[in-house]
Amino acid sequence: MKRLRSHSIGVDSGDVILFSDYEDGGEMWTGRGQRERRKHIRFDTPYRDAPTVQVSISLWDLDAATVIRADISAEAVTEKGFDMVFRTWGDTRVARVRVAWSAIGSLPDDDDWDVI
C-alpha cells in the first residue's frame, strides 16, 4: 500500500485512442498471432515518485466472428509517465481501441529538500 500525504496528492487522467486499424488495414485488424500496441503517456505534472496507474478499455471495436482476446496494462510507470500496452493473440481481429487511464500519487512539495 502506498501512503500519500494529504496535502500533496495528485490525480491525472485521460482517454486516448490507442489505434484504429480498420481504416488502413493495420496489423491488429488483418494480422494473426501475438500482436501488441504501445503508447507513451506523459503526466501533466511529474509526481514525486511513480504513481499508481489504472487503465481500462473505454471503447473496443472487434470482429464478432472471432474469439475476443485482449490484455491491457500500464508498464514502465515512472514519475513522468507510463506505457499504455494493448495485446491480443490468435485470430482476434481488433478494429480500434480507446483506453481510459488514471494516475494517483504524491506530488513534489516546496518543503521537500534533497539532502546529499
PDB file of N, CA and C in Angstrom:
ATOM      1  N   MET A   1       0.838  -1.173   0.000  1.00  0.00           N
ATOM      2  CA  MET A   1       0.000   0.000   0.000  1.00  0.00           C
ATOM      3  C   MET A   1       0.885   1.238   0.000  1.00  0.00           C
ATOM      4  N   LYS A   2       0.499   2.220  -0.777  1.00  0.00           N
ATOM      5  CA  LYS A   2       1.210   3.497  -0.782  1.00  0.00           C
ATOM      6  C   LYS A   2       0.538   4.434   0.207  1.00  0.00           C
ATOM      7  N   ARG A   3       1.328   5.107   1.024  1.00  0.00           N
ATOM      8  CA  ARG A   3       0.798   6.141   1.915  1.00  0.00           C
ATOM      9  C   ARG A   3       1.031   7.481   1.250  1.00  0.00           C
ATOM     10  N   LEU A   4      -0.011   8.277   1.146  1.00  0.00           N
ATOM     11  CA  LEU A   4       0.069   9.566   0.495  1.00  0.00           C
ATOM     12  C   LEU A   4      -0.152  10.673   1.506  1.00  0.00           C
ATOM     13  N   ARG A   5       0.661  11.706   1.421  1.00  0.00           N
ATOM     14  CA  ARG A   5       0.461  12.864   2.289  1.00  0.00           C
ATOM     15  C   ARG A   5      -0.726  13.641   1.747  1.00  0.00           C
ATOM     16  N   SER A   6      -1.670  13.938   2.584  1.00  0.00           N
ATOM     17  CA  SER A   6      -2.942  14.503   2.136  1.00  0.00           C
ATOM     18  C   SER A   6      -2.819  15.850   1.453  1.00  0.00           C
ATOM     19  N   HIS A   7      -1.794  16.627   1.733  1.00  0.00           N
ATOM     20  CA  HIS A   7      -1.678  17.953   1.124  1.00  0.00           C
ATOM     21  C   HIS A   7      -0.963  17.946  -0.222  1.00  0.00           C
ATOM     22  N   SER A   8      -0.491  16.804  -0.657  1.00  0.00           N
ATOM     23  CA  SER A   8       0.248  16.778  -1.919  1.00  0.00           C
ATOM     24  C   SER A   8      -0.104  15.568  -2.789  1.00  0.00           C
ATOM     25  N   ILE A   9      -1.398  15.274  -2.894  1.00  0.00           N
ATOM     26  CA  ILE A   9      -1.844  14.152  -3.724  1.00  0.00           C
ATOM     27  C   ILE A   9      -2.246  14.697  -5.085  1.00  0.00           C
ATOM     28  N   GLY A  10      -1.792  14.041  -6.133  1.00  0.00           N
ATOM     29  CA  GLY A  10      -2.167  14.441  -7.480  1.00  0.00           C
ATOM     30  C   GLY A  10      -2.918  13.326  -8.188  1.00  0.00           C
ATOM     31  N   VAL A  11      -3.937  13.718  -8.951  1.00  0.00           N
ATOM     32  CA  VAL A  11      -4.690  12.778  -9.778  1.00  0.00           C
ATOM     33  C   VAL A  11      -4.666  13.312 -11.198  1.00  0.00           C
ATOM     34  N   ASP A  12      -4.260  12.479 -12.132  1.00  0.00           N
ATOM     35  CA  ASP A  12      -4.234  12.839 -13.547  1.00  0.00           C
ATOM     36  C   ASP A  12      -5.012  11.758 -14.287  1.00  0.00           C
ATOM     37  N   SER A  13      -5.614  12.093 -15.418  1.00  0.00           N
ATOM     38  CA  SER A  13      -6.375  11.090 -16.157  1.00  0.00           C
ATOM     39  C   SER A  13      -6.494  11.495 -17.621  1.00  0.00           C
ATOM     40  N   GLY A  14      -6.902  10.532 -18.438  1.00  0.00           N
ATOM     41  CA  GLY A  14      -7.103  10.797 -19.850  1.00  0.00           C
ATOM     42  C   GLY A  14      -7.862   9.666 -20.520  1.00  0.00           C
ATOM     43  N   ASP A  15      -8.181   9.884 -21.777  1.00  0.00           N
ATOM     44  CA  ASP A  15      -8.889   8.904 -22.600  1.00  0.00           C
ATOM     45  C   ASP A  15      -8.268   9.016 -23.993  1.00  0.00           C
ATOM     46  N   VAL A  16      -7.582   7.966 -24.449  1.00  0.00           N
ATOM     47  CA  VAL A  16      -6.727   8.033 -25.629  1.00  0.00           C
ATOM     48  C   VAL A  16      -7.105   6.955 -26.641  1.00  0.00           C
ATOM     49  N   ILE A  17      -7.236   7.336 -27.898  1.00  0.00           N
ATOM     50  CA  ILE A  17      -7.377   6.327 -28.956  1.00  0.00           C
ATOM     51  C   ILE A  17      -6.006   5.705 -29.150  1.00  0.00           C
ATOM     52  N   LEU A  18      -5.900   4.436 -28.837  1.00  0.00           N
ATOM     53  CA  LEU A  18      -4.618   3.741 -28.921  1.00  0.00           C
ATOM     54  C   LEU A  18      -4.292   3.377 -30.368  1.00  0.00           C
ATOM     55  N   PHE A  19      -5.295   2.915 -31.108  1.00  0.00           N
ATOM     56  CA  PHE A  19      -5.103   2.629 -32.526  1.00  0.00           C
ATOM     57  C   PHE A  19      -6.452   2.492 -33.199  1.00  0.00           C
ATOM     58  N   SER A  20      -6.428   2.632 -34.533  1.00  0.00           N
ATOM     59  CA  SER A  20      -7.608   2.424 -35.368  1.00  0.00           C
ATOM     60  C   SER A  20      -7.119   1.756 -36.651  1.00  0.00           C
ATOM     61  N   ASP A  21      -7.103   0.425 -36.650  1.00  0.00           N
ATOM     62  CA  ASP A  21      -6.509  -0.338 -37.753  1.00  0.00           C
ATOM     63  C   ASP A  21      -7.488  -0.741 -38.840  1.00  0.00           C
ATOM     64  N   TYR A  22      -8.756  -0.573 -38.615  1.00  0.00           N
ATOM     65  CA  TYR A  22      -9.752  -0.992 -39.606  1.00  0.00           C
ATOM     66  C   TYR A  22      -9.645  -0.169 -40.888  1.00  0.00           C
ATOM     67  N   GLU A  23      -9.477   1.134 -40.754  1.00  0.00           N
ATOM     68  CA  GLU A  23      -9.479   2.039 -41.900  1.00  0.00           C
ATOM     69  C   GLU A  23      -8.320   1.803 -42.865  1.00  0.00           C
ATOM     70  N   ASP A  24      -7.150   1.444 -42.317  1.00  0.00           N
ATOM     71  CA  ASP A  24      -5.977   1.310 -43.187  1.00  0.00           C
ATOM     72  C   ASP A  24      -5.434  -0.112 -43.262  1.00  0.00           C
ATOM     73  N   GLY A  25      -6.212  -1.096 -42.829  1.00  0.00           N
ATOM     74  CA  GLY A  25      -5.784  -2.494 -42.922  1.00  0.00           C
ATOM     75  C   GLY A  25      -4.598  -2.815 -42.040  1.00  0.00           C
ATOM     76  N   GLY A  26      -4.542  -2.190 -40.861  1.00  0.00           N
ATOM     77  CA  GLY A  26      -3.432  -2.408 -39.941  1.00  0.00           C
ATOM     78  C   GLY A  26      -3.386  -3.815 -39.371  1.00  0.00           C
ATOM     79  N   GLU A  27      -2.274  -4.116 -38.732  1.00  0.00           N
ATOM     80  CA  GLU A  27      -1.984  -5.464 -38.243  1.00  0.00           C
ATOM     81  C   GLU A  27      -2.984  -5.972 -37.197  1.00  0.00           C
ATOM     82  N   MET A  28      -3.503  -5.105 -36.364  1.00  0.00           N
ATOM     83  CA  MET A  28      -4.462  -5.572 -35.360  1.00  0.00           C
ATOM     84  C   MET A  28      -5.741  -6.087 -36.023  1.00  0.00           C
ATOM     85  N   TRP A  29      -6.088  -5.543 -37.174  1.00  0.00           N
ATOM     86  CA  TRP A  29      -7.291  -5.964 -37.893  1.00  0.00           C
ATOM     87  C   TRP A  29      -7.009  -7.125 -38.838  1.00  0.00           C
ATOM     88  N   THR A  30      -5.871  -7.123 -39.504  1.00  0.00           N
ATOM     89  CA  THR A  30      -5.590  -8.131 -40.534  1.00  0.00           C
ATOM     90  C   THR A  30      -4.653  -9.239 -40.063  1.00  0.00           C
ATOM     91  N   GLY A  31      -3.925  -9.027 -38.975  1.00  0.00           N
ATOM     92  CA  GLY A  31      -2.909  -9.979 -38.545  1.00  0.00           C
ATOM     93  C   GLY A  31      -3.443 -11.147 -37.753  1.00  0.00           C
ATOM     94  N   ARG A  32      -2.547 -12.052 -37.423  1.00  0.00           N
ATOM     95  CA  ARG A  32      -2.849 -13.220 -36.602  1.00  0.00           C
ATOM     96  C   ARG A  32      -1.695 -13.406 -35.628  1.00  0.00           C
ATOM     97  N   GLY A  33      -1.952 -14.150 -34.563  1.00  0.00           N
ATOM     98  CA  GLY A  33      -0.901 -14.425 -33.588  1.00  0.00           C
ATOM     99  C   GLY A  33      -0.679 -13.265 -32.625  1.00  0.00           C
ATOM    100  N   GLN A  34       0.482 -13.290 -31.965  1.00  0.00           N
ATOM    101  CA  GLN A  34       0.816 -12.279 -30.970  1.00  0.00           C
ATOM    102  C   GLN A  34       0.940 -10.899 -31.619  1.00  0.00           C
ATOM    103  N   ARG A  35       0.209  -9.927 -31.087  1.00  0.00           N
ATOM    104  CA  ARG A  35       0.304  -8.544 -31.562  1.00  0.00           C
ATOM    105  C   ARG A  35       0.247  -7.609 -30.364  1.00  0.00           C
ATOM    106  N   GLU A  36       0.914  -6.470 -30.493  1.00  0.00           N
ATOM    107  CA  GLU A  36       0.987  -5.535 -29.385  1.00  0.00           C
ATOM    108  C   GLU A  36       1.045  -4.103 -29.894  1.00  0.00           C
ATOM    109  N   ARG A  37       0.395  -3.195 -29.168  1.00  0.00           N
ATOM    110  CA  ARG A  37       0.487  -1.759 -29.441  1.00  0.00           C
ATOM    111  C   ARG A  37       0.819  -1.059 -28.142  1.00  0.00           C
ATOM    112  N   ARG A  38       1.720  -0.073 -28.230  1.00  0.00           N
ATOM    113  CA  ARG A  38       2.145   0.715 -27.081  1.00  0.00           C
ATOM    114  C   ARG A  38       1.992   2.197 -27.384  1.00  0.00           C
ATOM    115  N   LYS A  39       1.699   2.947 -26.365  1.00  0.00           N
ATOM    116  CA  LYS A  39       1.677   4.407 -26.482  1.00  0.00           C
ATOM    117  C   LYS A  39       2.195   4.971 -25.169  1.00  0.00           C
ATOM    118  N   HIS A  40       3.173   5.877 -25.279  1.00  0.00           N
ATOM    119  CA  HIS A  40       3.713   6.500 -24.075  1.00  0.00           C
ATOM    120  C   HIS A  40       2.819   7.670 -23.676  1.00  0.00           C
ATOM    121  N   ILE A  41       2.459   7.705 -22.417  1.00  0.00           N
ATOM    122  CA  ILE A  41       1.634   8.769 -21.856  1.00  0.00           C
ATOM    123  C   ILE A  41       2.495   9.571 -20.888  1.00  0.00           C
ATOM    124  N   ARG A  42       2.500  10.903 -21.069  1.00  0.00           N
ATOM    125  CA  ARG A  42       3.219  11.799 -20.145  1.00  0.00           C
ATOM    126  C   ARG A  42       2.211  12.475 -19.235  1.00  0.00           C
ATOM    127  N   PHE A  43       2.519  12.499 -17.955  1.00  0.00           N
ATOM    128  CA  PHE A  43       1.659  13.169 -16.998  1.00  0.00           C
ATOM    129  C   PHE A  43       1.764  14.681 -17.173  1.00  0.00           C
ATOM    130  N   ASP A  44       0.686  15.391 -16.849  1.00  0.00           N
ATOM    131  CA  ASP A  44       0.689  16.851 -16.936  1.00  0.00           C
ATOM    132  C   ASP A  44       1.755  17.457 -16.029  1.00  0.00           C
ATOM    133  N   THR A  45       1.893  16.890 -14.831  1.00  0.00           N
ATOM    134  CA  THR A  45       2.890  17.325 -13.855  1.00  0.00           C
ATOM    135  C   THR A  45       3.570  16.081 -13.315  1.00  0.00           C
ATOM    136  N   PRO A  46       4.912  16.072 -13.237  1.00  0.00           N
ATOM    137  CA  PRO A  46       5.579  14.891 -12.679  1.00  0.00           C
ATOM    138  C   PRO A  46       5.201  14.664 -11.216  1.00  0.00           C
ATOM    139  N   TYR A  47       5.098  13.398 -10.833  1.00  0.00           N
ATOM    140  CA  TYR A  47       4.841  13.013  -9.461  1.00  0.00           C
ATOM    141  C   TYR A  47       6.161  12.967  -8.693  1.00  0.00           C
ATOM    142  N   ARG A  48       6.091  12.858  -7.370  1.00  0.00           N
ATOM    143  CA  ARG A  48       7.293  12.718  -6.547  1.00  0.00           C
ATOM    144  C   ARG A  48       7.998  11.403  -6.879  1.00  0.00           C
ATOM    145  N   ASP A  49       7.227  10.335  -7.034  1.00  0.00           N
ATOM    146  CA  ASP A  49       7.748   9.035  -7.448  1.00  0.00           C
ATOM    147  C   ASP A  49       6.657   8.372  -8.284  1.00  0.00           C
ATOM    148  N   ALA A  50       6.890   7.173  -8.727  1.00  0.00           N
ATOM    149  CA  ALA A  50       5.944   6.502  -9.629  1.00  0.00           C
ATOM    150  C   ALA A  50       4.563   6.386  -8.969  1.00  0.00           C
ATOM    151  N   PRO A  51       3.508   6.904  -9.619  1.00  0.00           N
ATOM    152  CA  PRO A  51       2.164   6.816  -9.062  1.00  0.00           C
ATOM    153  C   PRO A  51       1.542   5.447  -9.338  1.00  0.00           C
ATOM    154  N   THR A  52       0.383   5.227  -8.791  1.00  0.00           N
ATOM    155  CA  THR A  52      -0.419   4.053  -9.120  1.00  0.00           C
ATOM    156  C   THR A  52      -1.242   4.403 -10.354  1.00  0.00           C
ATOM    157  N   VAL A  53      -1.171   3.569 -11.384  1.00  0.00           N
ATOM    158  CA  VAL A  53      -1.860   3.836 -12.643  1.00  0.00           C
ATOM    159  C   VAL A  53      -2.865   2.730 -12.922  1.00  0.00           C
ATOM    160  N   GLN A  54      -4.067   3.120 -13.316  1.00  0.00           N
ATOM    161  CA  GLN A  54      -5.131   2.191 -13.674  1.00  0.00           C
ATOM    162  C   GLN A  54      -5.515   2.452 -15.130  1.00  0.00           C
ATOM    163  N   VAL A  55      -5.608   1.408 -15.937  1.00  0.00           N
ATOM    164  CA  VAL A  55      -6.055   1.542 -17.328  1.00  0.00           C
ATOM    165  C   VAL A  55      -7.271   0.656 -17.560  1.00  0.00           C
ATOM    166  N   SER A  56      -8.156   1.110 -18.450  1.00  0.00           N
ATOM    167  CA  SER A  56      -9.327   0.308 -18.801  1.00  0.00           C
ATOM    168  C   SER A  56      -9.739   0.639 -20.230  1.00  0.00           C
ATOM    169  N   ILE A  57     -10.311  -0.334 -20.896  1.00  0.00           N
ATOM    170  CA  ILE A  57     -10.779  -0.115 -22.262  1.00  0.00           C
ATOM    171  C   ILE A  57     -12.076   0.685 -22.187  1.00  0.00           C
ATOM    172  N   SER A  58     -12.094   1.844 -22.866  1.00  0.00           N
ATOM    173  CA  SER A  58     -13.303   2.668 -22.877  1.00  0.00           C
ATOM    174  C   SER A  58     -14.062   2.523 -24.197  1.00  0.00           C
ATOM    175  N   LEU A  59     -13.414   1.968 -25.212  1.00  0.00           N
ATOM    176  CA  LEU A  59     -14.086   1.626 -26.467  1.00  0.00           C
ATOM    177  C   LEU A  59     -13.301   0.510 -27.124  1.00  0.00           C
ATOM    178  N   TRP A  60     -14.020  -0.514 -27.556  1.00  0.00           N
ATOM    179  CA  TRP A  60     -13.368  -1.515 -28.398  1.00  0.00           C
ATOM    180  C   TRP A  60     -14.305  -1.880 -29.512  1.00  0.00           C
ATOM    181  N   ASP A  61     -13.718  -2.046 -30.676  1.00  0.00           N
ATOM    182  CA  ASP A  61     -14.445  -2.374 -31.894  1.00  0.00           C
ATOM    183  C   ASP A  61     -13.777  -3.637 -32.424  1.00  0.00           C
ATOM    184  N   LEU A  62     -14.469  -4.771 -32.286  1.00  0.00           N
ATOM    185  CA  LEU A  62     -13.894  -6.068 -32.613  1.00  0.00           C
ATOM    186  C   LEU A  62     -14.773  -6.818 -33.596  1.00  0.00           C
ATOM    187  N   ASP A  63     -14.159  -7.724 -34.323  1.00  0.00           N
ATOM    188  CA  ASP A  63     -14.883  -8.603 -35.239  1.00  0.00           C
ATOM    189  C   ASP A  63     -15.644  -9.640 -34.407  1.00  0.00           C
ATOM    190  N   ALA A  64     -16.927  -9.745 -34.626  1.00  0.00           N
ATOM    191  CA  ALA A  64     -17.765 -10.681 -33.869  1.00  0.00           C
ATOM    192  C   ALA A  64     -17.572 -12.132 -34.298  1.00  0.00           C
ATOM    193  N   ALA A  65     -16.892 -12.369 -35.415  1.00  0.00           N
ATOM    194  CA  ALA A  65     -16.725 -13.731 -35.919  1.00  0.00           C
ATOM    195  C   ALA A  65     -15.548 -14.466 -35.278  1.00  0.00           C
ATOM    196  N   THR A  66     -14.747 -13.765 -34.479  1.00  0.00           N
ATOM    197  CA  THR A  66     -13.585 -14.403 -33.849  1.00  0.00           C
ATOM    198  C   THR A  66     -13.699 -14.287 -32.337  1.00  0.00           C
ATOM    199  N   VAL A  67     -12.904 -15.072 -31.635  1.00  0.00           N
ATOM    200  CA  VAL A  67     -12.868 -15.022 -30.177  1.00  0.00           C
ATOM    201  C   VAL A  67     -12.218 -13.713 -29.752  1.00  0.00           C
ATOM    202  N   ILE A  68     -12.756 -13.090 -28.703  1.00  0.00           N
ATOM    203  CA  ILE A  68     -12.190 -11.836 -28.198  1.00  0.00           C
ATOM    204  C   ILE A  68     -11.101 -12.168 -27.193  1.00  0.00           C
ATOM    205  N   ARG A  69      -9.879 -11.788 -27.533  1.00  0.00           N
ATOM    206  CA  ARG A  69      -8.727 -11.992 -26.651  1.00  0.00           C
ATOM    207  C   ARG A  69      -8.039 -10.645 -26.517  1.00  0.00           C
ATOM    208  N   ALA A  70      -7.903 -10.147 -25.275  1.00  0.00           N
ATOM    209  CA  ALA A  70      -7.286  -8.836 -25.094  1.00  0.00           C
ATOM    210  C   ALA A  70      -6.648  -8.734 -23.719  1.00  0.00           C
ATOM    211  N   ASP A  71      -5.553  -8.008 -23.664  1.00  0.00           N
ATOM    212  CA  ASP A  71      -4.868  -7.708 -22.417  1.00  0.00           C
ATOM    213  C   ASP A  71      -4.479  -6.241 -22.487  1.00  0.00           C
ATOM    214  N   ILE A  72      -4.817  -5.472 -21.446  1.00  0.00           N
ATOM    215  CA  ILE A  72      -4.458  -4.056 -21.391  1.00  0.00           C
ATOM    216  C   ILE A  72      -3.720  -3.819 -20.079  1.00  0.00           C
ATOM    217  N   SER A  73      -2.619  -3.060 -20.140  1.00  0.00           N
ATOM    218  CA  SER A  73      -1.849  -2.823 -18.922  1.00  0.00           C
ATOM    219  C   SER A  73      -1.078  -1.512 -19.008  1.00  0.00           C
ATOM    220  N   ALA A  74      -0.614  -1.070 -17.847  1.00  0.00           N
ATOM    221  CA  ALA A  74       0.293   0.069 -17.741  1.00  0.00           C
ATOM    222  C   ALA A  74       1.659  -0.503 -17.383  1.00  0.00           C
ATOM    223  N   GLU A  75       2.668  -0.177 -18.185  1.00  0.00           N
ATOM    224  CA  GLU A  75       4.017  -0.687 -17.938  1.00  0.00           C
ATOM    225  C   GLU A  75       4.995   0.476 -17.889  1.00  0.00           C
ATOM    226  N   ALA A  76       6.160   0.226 -17.339  1.00  0.00           N
ATOM    227  CA  ALA A  76       7.238   1.211 -17.260  1.00  0.00           C
ATOM    228  C   ALA A  76       6.745   2.521 -16.636  1.00  0.00           C
ATOM    229  N   VAL A  77       6.037   2.407 -15.514  1.00  0.00           N
ATOM    230  CA  VAL A  77       5.499   3.591 -14.834  1.00  0.00           C
ATOM    231  C   VAL A  77       6.634   4.314 -14.113  1.00  0.00           C
ATOM    232  N   THR A  78       6.759   5.617 -14.375  1.00  0.00           N
ATOM    233  CA  THR A  78       7.723   6.478 -13.684  1.00  0.00           C
ATOM    234  C   THR A  78       6.988   7.709 -13.186  1.00  0.00           C
ATOM    235  N   GLU A  79       7.705   8.592 -12.527  1.00  0.00           N
ATOM    236  CA  GLU A  79       7.090   9.825 -12.051  1.00  0.00           C
ATOM    237  C   GLU A  79       6.662  10.750 -13.194  1.00  0.00           C
ATOM    238  N   LYS A  80       7.176  10.515 -14.398  1.00  0.00           N
ATOM    239  CA  LYS A  80       6.861  11.379 -15.541  1.00  0.00           C
ATOM    240  C   LYS A  80       5.825  10.806 -16.507  1.00  0.00           C
ATOM    241  N   GLY A  81       5.596   9.489 -16.475  1.00  0.00           N
ATOM    242  CA  GLY A  81       4.648   8.897 -17.402  1.00  0.00           C
ATOM    243  C   GLY A  81       4.671   7.380 -17.360  1.00  0.00           C
ATOM    244  N   PHE A  82       4.036   6.762 -18.358  1.00  0.00           N
ATOM    245  CA  PHE A  82       3.971   5.301 -18.420  1.00  0.00           C
ATOM    246  C   PHE A  82       3.679   4.871 -19.855  1.00  0.00           C
ATOM    247  N   ASP A  83       3.835   3.578 -20.116  1.00  0.00           N
ATOM    248  CA  ASP A  83       3.490   2.989 -21.407  1.00  0.00           C
ATOM    249  C   ASP A  83       2.152   2.275 -21.272  1.00  0.00           C
ATOM    250  N   MET A  84       1.205   2.666 -22.123  1.00  0.00           N
ATOM    251  CA  MET A  84      -0.087   2.004 -22.221  1.00  0.00           C
ATOM    252  C   MET A  84       0.131   0.852 -23.214  1.00  0.00           C
ATOM    253  N   VAL A  85      -0.222  -0.381 -22.830  1.00  0.00           N
ATOM    254  CA  VAL A  85       0.068  -1.536 -23.673  1.00  0.00           C
ATOM    255  C   VAL A  85      -1.207  -2.356 -23.886  1.00  0.00           C
ATOM    256  N   PHE A  86      -1.516  -2.624 -25.160  1.00  0.00           N
ATOM    257  CA  PHE A  86      -2.639  -3.490 -25.528  1.00  0.00           C
ATOM    258  C   PHE A  86      -2.065  -4.683 -26.279  1.00  0.00           C
ATOM    259  N   ARG A  87      -2.501  -5.881 -25.892  1.00  0.00           N
ATOM    260  CA  ARG A  87      -2.045  -7.103 -26.569  1.00  0.00           C
ATOM    261  C   ARG A  87      -3.247  -7.952 -26.962  1.00  0.00           C
ATOM    262  N   THR A  88      -3.101  -8.649 -28.078  1.00  0.00           N
ATOM    263  CA  THR A  88      -4.069  -9.657 -28.485  1.00  0.00           C
ATOM    264  C   THR A  88      -3.308 -10.799 -29.136  1.00  0.00           C
ATOM    265  N   TRP A  89      -3.986 -11.899 -29.421  1.00  0.00           N
ATOM    266  CA  TRP A  89      -3.334 -13.071 -29.996  1.00  0.00           C
ATOM    267  C   TRP A  89      -4.363 -13.907 -30.729  1.00  0.00           C
ATOM    268  N   GLY A  90      -3.883 -14.990 -31.316  1.00  0.00           N
ATOM    269  CA  GLY A  90      -4.760 -15.886 -32.064  1.00  0.00           C
ATOM    270  C   GLY A  90      -5.350 -15.202 -33.281  1.00  0.00           C
ATOM    271  N   ASP A  91      -6.631 -15.493 -33.562  1.00  0.00           N
ATOM    272  CA  ASP A  91      -7.269 -14.922 -34.751  1.00  0.00           C
ATOM    273  C   ASP A  91      -8.147 -13.706 -34.419  1.00  0.00           C
ATOM    274  N   THR A  92      -8.021 -13.170 -33.202  1.00  0.00           N
ATOM    275  CA  THR A  92      -8.812 -11.999 -32.809  1.00  0.00           C
ATOM    276  C   THR A  92      -8.522 -10.833 -33.746  1.00  0.00           C
ATOM    277  N   ARG A  93      -9.597 -10.194 -34.225  1.00  0.00           N
ATOM    278  CA  ARG A  93      -9.470  -9.043 -35.126  1.00  0.00           C
ATOM    279  C   ARG A  93      -9.991  -7.803 -34.406  1.00  0.00           C
ATOM    280  N   VAL A  94      -9.083  -6.849 -34.197  1.00  0.00           N
ATOM    281  CA  VAL A  94      -9.416  -5.636 -33.456  1.00  0.00           C
ATOM    282  C   VAL A  94      -9.353  -4.450 -34.409  1.00  0.00           C
ATOM    283  N   ALA A  95     -10.496  -3.788 -34.586  1.00  0.00           N
ATOM    284  CA  ALA A  95     -10.546  -2.628 -35.481  1.00  0.00           C
ATOM    285  C   ALA A  95      -9.970  -1.389 -34.809  1.00  0.00           C
ATOM    286  N   ARG A  96     -10.385  -1.122 -33.567  1.00  0.00           N
ATOM    287  CA  ARG A  96      -9.868   0.045 -32.850  1.00  0.00           C
ATOM    288  C   ARG A  96     -10.096  -0.121 -31.358  1.00  0.00           C
ATOM    289  N   VAL A  97      -9.274   0.621 -30.604  1.00  0.00           N
ATOM    290  CA  VAL A  97      -9.336   0.589 -29.151  1.00  0.00           C
ATOM    291  C   VAL A  97      -9.073   1.992 -28.614  1.00  0.00           C
ATOM    292  N   ARG A  98      -9.910   2.393 -27.640  1.00  0.00           N
ATOM    293  CA  ARG A  98      -9.665   3.623 -26.884  1.00  0.00           C
ATOM    294  C   ARG A  98      -9.490   3.208 -25.433  1.00  0.00           C
ATOM    295  N   VAL A  99      -8.526   3.837 -24.751  1.00  0.00           N
ATOM    296  CA  VAL A  99      -8.191   3.444 -23.385  1.00  0.00           C
ATOM    297  C   VAL A  99      -8.297   4.645 -22.454  1.00  0.00           C
ATOM    298  N   ALA A 100      -9.016   4.456 -21.344  1.00  0.00           N
ATOM    299  CA  ALA A 100      -9.076   5.463 -20.289  1.00  0.00           C
ATOM    300  C   ALA A 100      -8.019   5.116 -19.246  1.00  0.00           C
ATOM    301  N   TRP A 101      -7.407   6.140 -18.669  1.00  0.00           N
ATOM    302  CA  TRP A 101      -6.393   5.905 -17.646  1.00  0.00           C
ATOM    303  C   TRP A 101      -6.512   6.943 -16.538  1.00  0.00           C
ATOM    304  N   SER A 102      -6.053   6.558 -15.363  1.00  0.00           N
ATOM    305  CA  SER A 102      -5.956   7.496 -14.252  1.00  0.00           C
ATOM    306  C   SER A 102      -4.729   7.139 -13.426  1.00  0.00           C
ATOM    307  N   ALA A 103      -4.128   8.172 -12.866  1.00  0.00           N
ATOM    308  CA  ALA A 103      -2.935   8.004 -12.033  1.00  0.00           C
ATOM    309  C   ALA A 103      -3.141   8.797 -10.753  1.00  0.00           C
ATOM    310  N   ILE A 104      -2.706   8.220  -9.637  1.00  0.00           N
ATOM    311  CA  ILE A 104      -2.790   8.914  -8.359  1.00  0.00           C
ATOM    312  C   ILE A 104      -1.502   8.664  -7.592  1.00  0.00           C
ATOM    313  N   GLY A 105      -0.967   9.734  -7.019  1.00  0.00           N
ATOM    314  CA  GLY A 105       0.276   9.600  -6.284  1.00  0.00           C
ATOM    315  C   GLY A 105       0.679  10.891  -5.613  1.00  0.00           C
ATOM    316  N   SER A 106       1.801  10.855  -4.933  1.00  0.00           N
ATOM    317  CA  SER A 106       2.335  12.026  -4.238  1.00  0.00           C
ATOM    318  C   SER A 106       2.972  12.988  -5.220  1.00  0.00           C
ATOM    319  N   LEU A 107       2.733  14.274  -4.979  1.00  0.00           N
ATOM    320  CA  LEU A 107       3.344  15.321  -5.782  1.00  0.00           C
ATOM    321  C   LEU A 107       4.516  15.931  -5.021  1.00  0.00           C
ATOM    322  N   PRO A 108       5.493  16.475  -5.746  1.00  0.00           N
ATOM    323  CA  PRO A 108       6.574  17.187  -5.059  1.00  0.00           C
ATOM    324  C   PRO A 108       5.999  18.375  -4.288  1.00  0.00           C
ATOM    325  N   ASP A 109       6.671  18.752  -3.240  1.00  0.00           N
ATOM    326  CA  ASP A 109       6.218  19.849  -2.405  1.00  0.00           C
ATOM    327  C   ASP A 109       7.376  20.838  -2.240  1.00  0.00           C
ATOM    328  N   ASP A 110       7.069  22.109  -2.102  1.00  0.00           N
ATOM    329  CA  ASP A 110       8.105  23.131  -1.913  1.00  0.00           C
ATOM    330  C   ASP A 110       8.938  22.869  -0.647  1.00  0.00           C
ATOM    331  N   ASP A 111       8.344  22.163   0.319  1.00  0.00           N
ATOM    332  CA  ASP A 111       9.079  21.863   1.564  1.00  0.00           C
ATOM    333  C   ASP A 111       9.988  20.649   1.445  1.00  0.00           C
ATOM    334  N   ASP A 112       9.959  19.949   0.307  1.00  0.00           N
ATOM    335  CA  ASP A 112      10.861  18.806   0.110  1.00  0.00           C
ATOM    336  C   ASP A 112      12.266  19.328  -0.153  1.00  0.00           C
ATOM    337  N   TRP A 113      13.258  18.686   0.432  1.00  0.00           N
ATOM    338  CA  TRP A 113      14.619  19.003   0.091  1.00  0.00           C
ATOM    339  C   TRP A 113      15.368  17.727  -0.172  1.00  0.00           C
ATOM    340  N   ASP A 114      16.362  17.883  -0.973  1.00  0.00           N
ATOM    341  CA  ASP A 114      17.208  16.748  -1.335  1.00  0.00           C
ATOM    342  C   ASP A 114      18.535  16.920  -0.614  1.00  0.00           C
ATOM    343  N   VAL A 115      18.758  16.158   0.426  1.00  0.00           N
ATOM    344  CA  VAL A 115      19.991  16.247   1.208  1.00  0.00           C
ATOM    345  C   VAL A 115      21.012  15.279   0.603  1.00  0.00           C
ATOM    346  N   ILE A 116      22.129  15.833   0.249  1.00  0.00           N
ATOM    347  CA  ILE A 116      23.176  15.000  -0.381  1.00  0.00           C
ATOM    348  C   ILE A 116      24.287  14.732   0.598  1.00  0.00           C
TER     349      ILE A 116
END
